[in-house]
Amino acid sequence: MMNRAEGGGEAKLKYGTPDFQVVRPGAFVRCAVTGEEIPLDLLKYWSVERQEAYRDAEASYRREAEARAGKR
């Protein structure tokens, strides 16, 4: 179950499968690729392994491609 918290500022989350938990309440998290604010109610993409959020599927794919390229 998603544990959402109301309030302003940047939240800190623990990303799990299939949900996340709020560690520090806030209204948004930042996309690890673009730096854009993502309102918690719109957050759909994240990496459990890297513990980071993404604004959309494209940003998630870009980060995954970067990670794979770095392992070569």
PDB file of N, CA and C in Angstrom:
ATOM      1  N   MET A   1       0.832  -1.176   0.000  1.00  0.00           N
ATOM      2  CA  MET A   1       0.000   0.000   0.000  1.00  0.00           C
ATOM      3  C   MET A   1       0.875   1.238   0.000  1.00  0.00           C
ATOM      4  N   MET A   2       0.517   2.200  -0.836  1.00  0.00           N
ATOM      5  CA  MET A   2       1.280   3.436  -0.888  1.00  0.00           C
ATOM      6  C   MET A   2       0.965   4.283   0.331  1.00  0.00           C
ATOM      7  N   ASN A   3       2.003   4.758   0.947  1.00  0.00           N
ATOM      8  CA  ASN A   3       1.859   5.599   2.118  1.00  0.00           C
ATOM      9  C   ASN A   3       2.148   7.027   1.700  1.00  0.00           C
ATOM     10  N   ARG A   4       1.125   7.769   1.286  1.00  0.00           N
ATOM     11  CA  ARG A   4       1.300   9.131   0.801  1.00  0.00           C
ATOM     12  C   ARG A   4       1.106  10.108   1.942  1.00  0.00           C
ATOM     13  N   ALA A   5       1.815  11.184   1.870  1.00  0.00           N
ATOM     14  CA  ALA A   5       1.694  12.212   2.888  1.00  0.00           C
ATOM     15  C   ALA A   5       1.462  13.552   2.225  1.00  0.00           C
ATOM     16  N   GLU A   6       0.603  14.339   2.798  1.00  0.00           N
ATOM     17  CA  GLU A   6       0.341  15.675   2.304  1.00  0.00           C
ATOM     18  C   GLU A   6       1.385  16.623   2.853  1.00  0.00           C
ATOM     19  N   GLY A   7       1.540  17.730   2.199  1.00  0.00           N
ATOM     20  CA  GLY A   7       2.480  18.731   2.662  1.00  0.00           C
ATOM     21  C   GLY A   7       3.323  19.216   1.512  1.00  0.00           C
ATOM     22  N   GLY A   8       3.985  20.330   1.723  1.00  0.00           N
ATOM     23  CA  GLY A   8       4.810  20.898   0.673  1.00  0.00           C
ATOM     24  C   GLY A   8       6.217  20.355   0.725  1.00  0.00           C
ATOM     25  N   GLY A   9       6.990  20.725  -0.258  1.00  0.00           N
ATOM     26  CA  GLY A   9       8.384  20.351  -0.288  1.00  0.00           C
ATOM     27  C   GLY A   9       8.622  18.984  -0.880  1.00  0.00           C
ATOM     28  N   GLU A  10       9.901  18.628  -0.900  1.00  0.00           N
ATOM     29  CA  GLU A  10      10.319  17.367  -1.504  1.00  0.00           C
ATOM     30  C   GLU A  10      10.215  16.218  -0.507  1.00  0.00           C
ATOM     31  N   ALA A  11       9.588  15.154  -0.931  1.00  0.00           N
ATOM     32  CA  ALA A  11       9.439  13.957  -0.104  1.00  0.00           C
ATOM     33  C   ALA A  11      10.661  13.067  -0.280  1.00  0.00           C
ATOM     34  N   LYS A  12      10.892  12.202   0.677  1.00  0.00           N
ATOM     35  CA  LYS A  12      11.895  11.152   0.557  1.00  0.00           C
ATOM     36  C   LYS A  12      11.141   9.842   0.638  1.00  0.00           C
ATOM     37  N   LEU A  13      11.369   8.980  -0.347  1.00  0.00           N
ATOM     38  CA  LEU A  13      10.631   7.724  -0.434  1.00  0.00           C
ATOM     39  C   LEU A  13      11.566   6.533  -0.397  1.00  0.00           C
ATOM     40  N   LYS A  14      11.019   5.403   0.017  1.00  0.00           N
ATOM     41  CA  LYS A  14      11.689   4.118  -0.122  1.00  0.00           C
ATOM     42  C   LYS A  14      10.898   3.369  -1.189  1.00  0.00           C
ATOM     43  N   TYR A  15      11.562   3.105  -2.310  1.00  0.00           N
ATOM     44  CA  TYR A  15      10.894   2.489  -3.450  1.00  0.00           C
ATOM     45  C   TYR A  15      10.928   0.976  -3.329  1.00  0.00           C
ATOM     46  N   GLY A  16       9.760   0.380  -3.443  1.00  0.00           N
ATOM     47  CA  GLY A  16       9.636  -1.069  -3.364  1.00  0.00           C
ATOM     48  C   GLY A  16       8.853  -1.578  -4.560  1.00  0.00           C
ATOM     49  N   THR A  17       8.515  -2.851  -4.515  1.00  0.00           N
ATOM     50  CA  THR A  17       7.730  -3.483  -5.569  1.00  0.00           C
ATOM     51  C   THR A  17       6.439  -3.979  -4.949  1.00  0.00           C
ATOM     52  N   PRO A  18       5.311  -3.531  -5.332  1.00  0.00           N
ATOM     53  CA  PRO A  18       5.001  -2.604  -6.414  1.00  0.00           C
ATOM     54  C   PRO A  18       4.760  -1.170  -5.931  1.00  0.00           C
ATOM     55  N   ASP A  19       4.977  -0.875  -4.683  1.00  0.00           N
ATOM     56  CA  ASP A  19       4.655   0.426  -4.119  1.00  0.00           C
ATOM     57  C   ASP A  19       5.871   1.092  -3.499  1.00  0.00           C
ATOM     58  N   PHE A  20       5.642   2.278  -2.963  1.00  0.00           N
ATOM     59  CA  PHE A  20       6.687   2.995  -2.247  1.00  0.00           C
ATOM     60  C   PHE A  20       6.172   3.399  -0.876  1.00  0.00           C
ATOM     61  N   GLN A  21       7.102   3.704   0.026  1.00  0.00           N
ATOM     62  CA  GLN A  21       6.756   4.177   1.366  1.00  0.00           C
ATOM     63  C   GLN A  21       7.345   5.564   1.554  1.00  0.00           C
ATOM     64  N   VAL A  22       6.612   6.421   2.229  1.00  0.00           N
ATOM     65  CA  VAL A  22       7.084   7.769   2.502  1.00  0.00           C
ATOM     66  C   VAL A  22       7.988   7.735   3.730  1.00  0.00           C
ATOM     67  N   VAL A  23       9.238   8.161   3.559  1.00  0.00           N
ATOM     68  CA  VAL A  23      10.204   8.247   4.650  1.00  0.00           C
ATOM     69  C   VAL A  23      10.161   9.650   5.251  1.00  0.00           C
ATOM     70  N   ARG A  24      10.093  10.658   4.375  1.00  0.00           N
ATOM     71  CA  ARG A  24       9.939  12.046   4.802  1.00  0.00           C
ATOM     72  C   ARG A  24       8.797  12.642   3.989  1.00  0.00           C
ATOM     73  N   PRO A  25       7.746  13.134   4.647  1.00  0.00           N
ATOM     74  CA  PRO A  25       6.584  13.675   3.932  1.00  0.00           C
ATOM     75  C   PRO A  25       6.946  14.840   3.012  1.00  0.00           C
ATOM     76  N   GLY A  26       6.201  14.967   1.962  1.00  0.00           N
ATOM     77  CA  GLY A  26       6.352  16.052   1.018  1.00  0.00           C
ATOM     78  C   GLY A  26       5.340  15.907  -0.096  1.00  0.00           C
ATOM     79  N   ALA A  27       5.365  16.852  -1.023  1.00  0.00           N
ATOM     80  CA  ALA A  27       4.389  16.866  -2.103  1.00  0.00           C
ATOM     81  C   ALA A  27       4.917  16.240  -3.391  1.00  0.00           C
ATOM     82  N   PHE A  28       6.249  16.129  -3.513  1.00  0.00           N
ATOM     83  CA  PHE A  28       6.825  15.661  -4.764  1.00  0.00           C
ATOM     84  C   PHE A  28       8.181  15.001  -4.525  1.00  0.00           C
ATOM     85  N   VAL A  29       8.664  14.316  -5.569  1.00  0.00           N
ATOM     86  CA  VAL A  29      10.043  13.819  -5.640  1.00  0.00           C
ATOM     87  C   VAL A  29      10.621  14.345  -6.949  1.00  0.00           C
ATOM     88  N   ARG A  30      11.923  14.258  -7.109  1.00  0.00           N
ATOM     89  CA  ARG A  30      12.580  14.725  -8.334  1.00  0.00           C
ATOM     90  C   ARG A  30      12.942  13.554  -9.234  1.00  0.00           C
ATOM     91  N   CYS A  31      12.754  13.771 -10.523  1.00  0.00           N
ATOM     92  CA  CYS A  31      13.159  12.783 -11.517  1.00  0.00           C
ATOM     93  C   CYS A  31      14.683  12.700 -11.510  1.00  0.00           C
ATOM     94  N   ALA A  32      15.220  11.501 -11.404  1.00  0.00           N
ATOM     95  CA  ALA A  32      16.662  11.293 -11.355  1.00  0.00           C
ATOM     96  C   ALA A  32      17.333  11.618 -12.687  1.00  0.00           C
ATOM     97  N   VAL A  33      16.587  11.651 -13.766  1.00  0.00           N
ATOM     98  CA  VAL A  33      17.148  11.918 -15.088  1.00  0.00           C
ATOM     99  C   VAL A  33      17.018  13.392 -15.463  1.00  0.00           C
ATOM    100  N   THR A  34      15.833  13.970 -15.268  1.00  0.00           N
ATOM    101  CA  THR A  34      15.565  15.335 -15.725  1.00  0.00           C
ATOM    102  C   THR A  34      15.623  16.384 -14.620  1.00  0.00           C
ATOM    103  N   GLY A  35      15.492  15.961 -13.363  1.00  0.00           N
ATOM    104  CA  GLY A  35      15.450  16.908 -12.260  1.00  0.00           C
ATOM    105  C   GLY A  35      14.088  17.540 -12.047  1.00  0.00           C
ATOM    106  N   GLU A  36      13.113  17.175 -12.865  1.00  0.00           N
ATOM    107  CA  GLU A  36      11.768  17.736 -12.748  1.00  0.00           C
ATOM    108  C   GLU A  36      11.065  17.233 -11.491  1.00  0.00           C
ATOM    109  N   GLU A  37      10.179  18.077 -10.951  1.00  0.00           N
ATOM    110  CA  GLU A  37       9.355  17.673  -9.816  1.00  0.00           C
ATOM    111  C   GLU A  37       8.254  16.734 -10.303  1.00  0.00           C
ATOM    112  N   ILE A  38       8.032  15.660  -9.549  1.00  0.00           N
ATOM    113  CA  ILE A  38       6.963  14.709  -9.850  1.00  0.00           C
ATOM    114  C   ILE A  38       6.036  14.671  -8.641  1.00  0.00           C
ATOM    115  N   PRO A  39       4.802  15.172  -8.769  1.00  0.00           N
ATOM    116  CA  PRO A  39       3.855  15.069  -7.655  1.00  0.00           C
ATOM    117  C   PRO A  39       3.658  13.601  -7.270  1.00  0.00           C
ATOM    118  N   LEU A  40       3.577  13.321  -5.973  1.00  0.00           N
ATOM    119  CA  LEU A  40       3.467  11.926  -5.531  1.00  0.00           C
ATOM    120  C   LEU A  40       2.280  11.200  -6.137  1.00  0.00           C
ATOM    121  N   ASP A  41       1.173  11.924  -6.348  1.00  0.00           N
ATOM    122  CA  ASP A  41       0.000  11.250  -6.906  1.00  0.00           C
ATOM    123  C   ASP A  41       0.161  10.914  -8.390  1.00  0.00           C
ATOM    124  N   LEU A  42       1.220  11.432  -9.038  1.00  0.00           N
ATOM    125  CA  LEU A  42       1.480  11.115 -10.443  1.00  0.00           C
ATOM    126  C   LEU A  42       2.684  10.204 -10.632  1.00  0.00           C
ATOM    127  N   LEU A  43       3.339   9.830  -9.541  1.00  0.00           N
ATOM    128  CA  LEU A  43       4.535   8.987  -9.613  1.00  0.00           C
ATOM    129  C   LEU A  43       4.165   7.559 -10.006  1.00  0.00           C
ATOM    130  N   LYS A  44       4.697   7.114 -11.147  1.00  0.00           N
ATOM    131  CA  LYS A  44       4.410   5.767 -11.647  1.00  0.00           C
ATOM    132  C   LYS A  44       5.655   4.976 -11.996  1.00  0.00           C
ATOM    133  N   TYR A  45       6.799   5.657 -12.115  1.00  0.00           N
ATOM    134  CA  TYR A  45       8.026   4.994 -12.556  1.00  0.00           C
ATOM    135  C   TYR A  45       9.146   5.234 -11.557  1.00  0.00           C
ATOM    136  N   TRP A  46       9.794   4.130 -11.129  1.00  0.00           N
ATOM    137  CA  TRP A  46      10.935   4.233 -10.236  1.00  0.00           C
ATOM    138  C   TRP A  46      11.752   2.956 -10.320  1.00  0.00           C
ATOM    139  N   SER A  47      12.968   3.045  -9.788  1.00  0.00           N
ATOM    140  CA  SER A  47      13.847   1.883  -9.740  1.00  0.00           C
ATOM    141  C   SER A  47      14.029   1.465  -8.289  1.00  0.00           C
ATOM    142  N   VAL A  48      13.686   0.234  -7.993  1.00  0.00           N
ATOM    143  CA  VAL A  48      13.905  -0.308  -6.653  1.00  0.00           C
ATOM    144  C   VAL A  48      15.408  -0.467  -6.438  1.00  0.00           C
ATOM    145  N   GLU A  49      16.114  -0.959  -7.454  1.00  0.00           N
ATOM    146  CA  GLU A  49      17.551  -1.197  -7.359  1.00  0.00           C
ATOM    147  C   GLU A  49      18.326   0.096  -7.106  1.00  0.00           C
ATOM    148  N   ARG A  50      17.997   1.156  -7.856  1.00  0.00           N
ATOM    149  CA  ARG A  50      18.727   2.420  -7.722  1.00  0.00           C
ATOM    150  C   ARG A  50      18.071   3.396  -6.748  1.00  0.00           C
ATOM    151  N   GLN A  51      16.852   3.069  -6.282  1.00  0.00           N
ATOM    152  CA  GLN A  51      16.112   3.918  -5.349  1.00  0.00           C
ATOM    153  C   GLN A  51      16.010   5.349  -5.869  1.00  0.00           C
ATOM    154  N   GLU A  52      15.469   5.468  -7.110  1.00  0.00           N
ATOM    155  CA  GLU A  52      15.265   6.779  -7.706  1.00  0.00           C
ATOM    156  C   GLU A  52      13.995   6.784  -8.539  1.00  0.00           C
ATOM    157  N   ALA A  53      13.440   7.986  -8.711  1.00  0.00           N
ATOM    158  CA  ALA A  53      12.171   8.171  -9.415  1.00  0.00           C
ATOM    159  C   ALA A  53      12.408   8.714 -10.815  1.00  0.00           C
ATOM    160  N   TYR A  54      11.424   8.463 -11.695  1.00  0.00           N
ATOM    161  CA  TYR A  54      11.481   8.950 -13.072  1.00  0.00           C
ATOM    162  C   TYR A  54      10.142   9.563 -13.446  1.00  0.00           C
ATOM    163  N   ARG A  55      10.180  10.621 -14.251  1.00  0.00           N
ATOM    164  CA  ARG A  55       8.946  11.326 -14.617  1.00  0.00           C
ATOM    165  C   ARG A  55       8.055  10.524 -15.543  1.00  0.00           C
ATOM    166  N   ASP A  56       8.675   9.669 -16.375  1.00  0.00           N
ATOM    167  CA  ASP A  56       7.893   8.882 -17.324  1.00  0.00           C
ATOM    168  C   ASP A  56       8.703   7.671 -17.787  1.00  0.00           C
ATOM    169  N   ALA A  57       8.092   6.873 -18.656  1.00  0.00           N
ATOM    170  CA  ALA A  57       8.748   5.659 -19.143  1.00  0.00           C
ATOM    171  C   ALA A  57      10.014   5.986 -19.929  1.00  0.00           C
ATOM    172  N   GLU A  58      10.015   7.092 -20.663  1.00  0.00           N
ATOM    173  CA  GLU A  58      11.199   7.473 -21.443  1.00  0.00           C
ATOM    174  C   GLU A  58      12.393   7.744 -20.528  1.00  0.00           C
ATOM    175  N   ALA A  59      12.169   8.477 -19.446  1.00  0.00           N
ATOM    176  CA  ALA A  59      13.252   8.764 -18.497  1.00  0.00           C
ATOM    177  C   ALA A  59      13.740   7.480 -17.841  1.00  0.00           C
ATOM    178  N   SER A  60      12.829   6.585 -17.502  1.00  0.00           N
ATOM    179  CA  SER A  60      13.197   5.298 -16.919  1.00  0.00           C
ATOM    180  C   SER A  60      14.063   4.498 -17.887  1.00  0.00           C
ATOM    181  N   TYR A  61      13.667   4.478 -19.153  1.00  0.00           N
ATOM    182  CA  TYR A  61      14.426   3.756 -20.172  1.00  0.00           C
ATOM    183  C   TYR A  61      15.812   4.365 -20.354  1.00  0.00           C
ATOM    184  N   ARG A  62      15.882   5.695 -20.374  1.00  0.00           N
ATOM    185  CA  ARG A  62      17.176   6.363 -20.528  1.00  0.00           C
ATOM    186  C   ARG A  62      18.129   5.973 -19.402  1.00  0.00           C
ATOM    187  N   ARG A  63      17.640   5.961 -18.164  1.00  0.00           N
ATOM    188  CA  ARG A  63      18.497   5.611 -17.027  1.00  0.00           C
ATOM    189  C   ARG A  63      18.944   4.159 -17.118  1.00  0.00           C
ATOM    190  N   GLU A  64      18.032   3.270 -17.510  1.00  0.00           N
ATOM    191  CA  GLU A  64      18.375   1.856 -17.645  1.00  0.00           C
ATOM    192  C   GLU A  64      19.435   1.668 -18.730  1.00  0.00           C
ATOM    193  N   ALA A  65      19.287   2.376 -19.847  1.00  0.00           N
ATOM    194  CA  ALA A  65      20.279   2.292 -20.929  1.00  0.00           C
ATOM    195  C   ALA A  65      21.638   2.798 -20.455  1.00  0.00           C
ATOM    196  N   GLU A  66      21.655   3.890 -19.686  1.00  0.00           N
ATOM    197  CA  GLU A  66      22.906   4.421 -19.138  1.00  0.00           C
ATOM    198  C   GLU A  66      23.562   3.392 -18.210  1.00  0.00           C
ATOM    199  N   ALA A  67      22.759   2.761 -17.386  1.00  0.00           N
ATOM    200  CA  ALA A  67      23.285   1.780 -16.439  1.00  0.00           C
ATOM    201  C   ALA A  67      23.873   0.572 -17.173  1.00  0.00           C
ATOM    202  N   ARG A  68      23.185   0.115 -18.202  1.00  0.00           N
ATOM    203  CA  ARG A  68      23.696  -1.019 -18.987  1.00  0.00           C
ATOM    204  C   ARG A  68      24.983  -0.655 -19.702  1.00  0.00           C
ATOM    205  N   ALA A  69      25.064   0.545 -20.250  1.00  0.00           N
ATOM    206  CA  ALA A  69      26.267   0.990 -20.962  1.00  0.00           C
ATOM    207  C   ALA A  69      27.442   1.077 -19.996  1.00  0.00           C
ATOM    208  N   GLY A  70      27.179   1.459 -18.764  1.00  0.00           N
ATOM    209  CA  GLY A  70      28.231   1.576 -17.771  1.00  0.00           C
ATOM    210  C   GLY A  70      28.769   0.243 -17.302  1.00  0.00           C
ATOM    211  N   LYS A  71      28.032  -0.841 -17.502  1.00  0.00           N
ATOM    212  CA  LYS A  71      28.457  -2.173 -17.071  1.00  0.00           C
ATOM    213  C   LYS A  71      29.297  -2.879 -18.122  1.00  0.00           C
ATOM    214  N   ARG A  72      29.425  -2.282 -19.289  1.00  0.00           N
ATOM    215  CA  ARG A  72      30.192  -2.918 -20.375  1.00  0.00           C
ATOM    216  C   ARG A  72      31.658  -2.706 -20.220  1.00  0.00           C
TER     217      ARG A  72
END
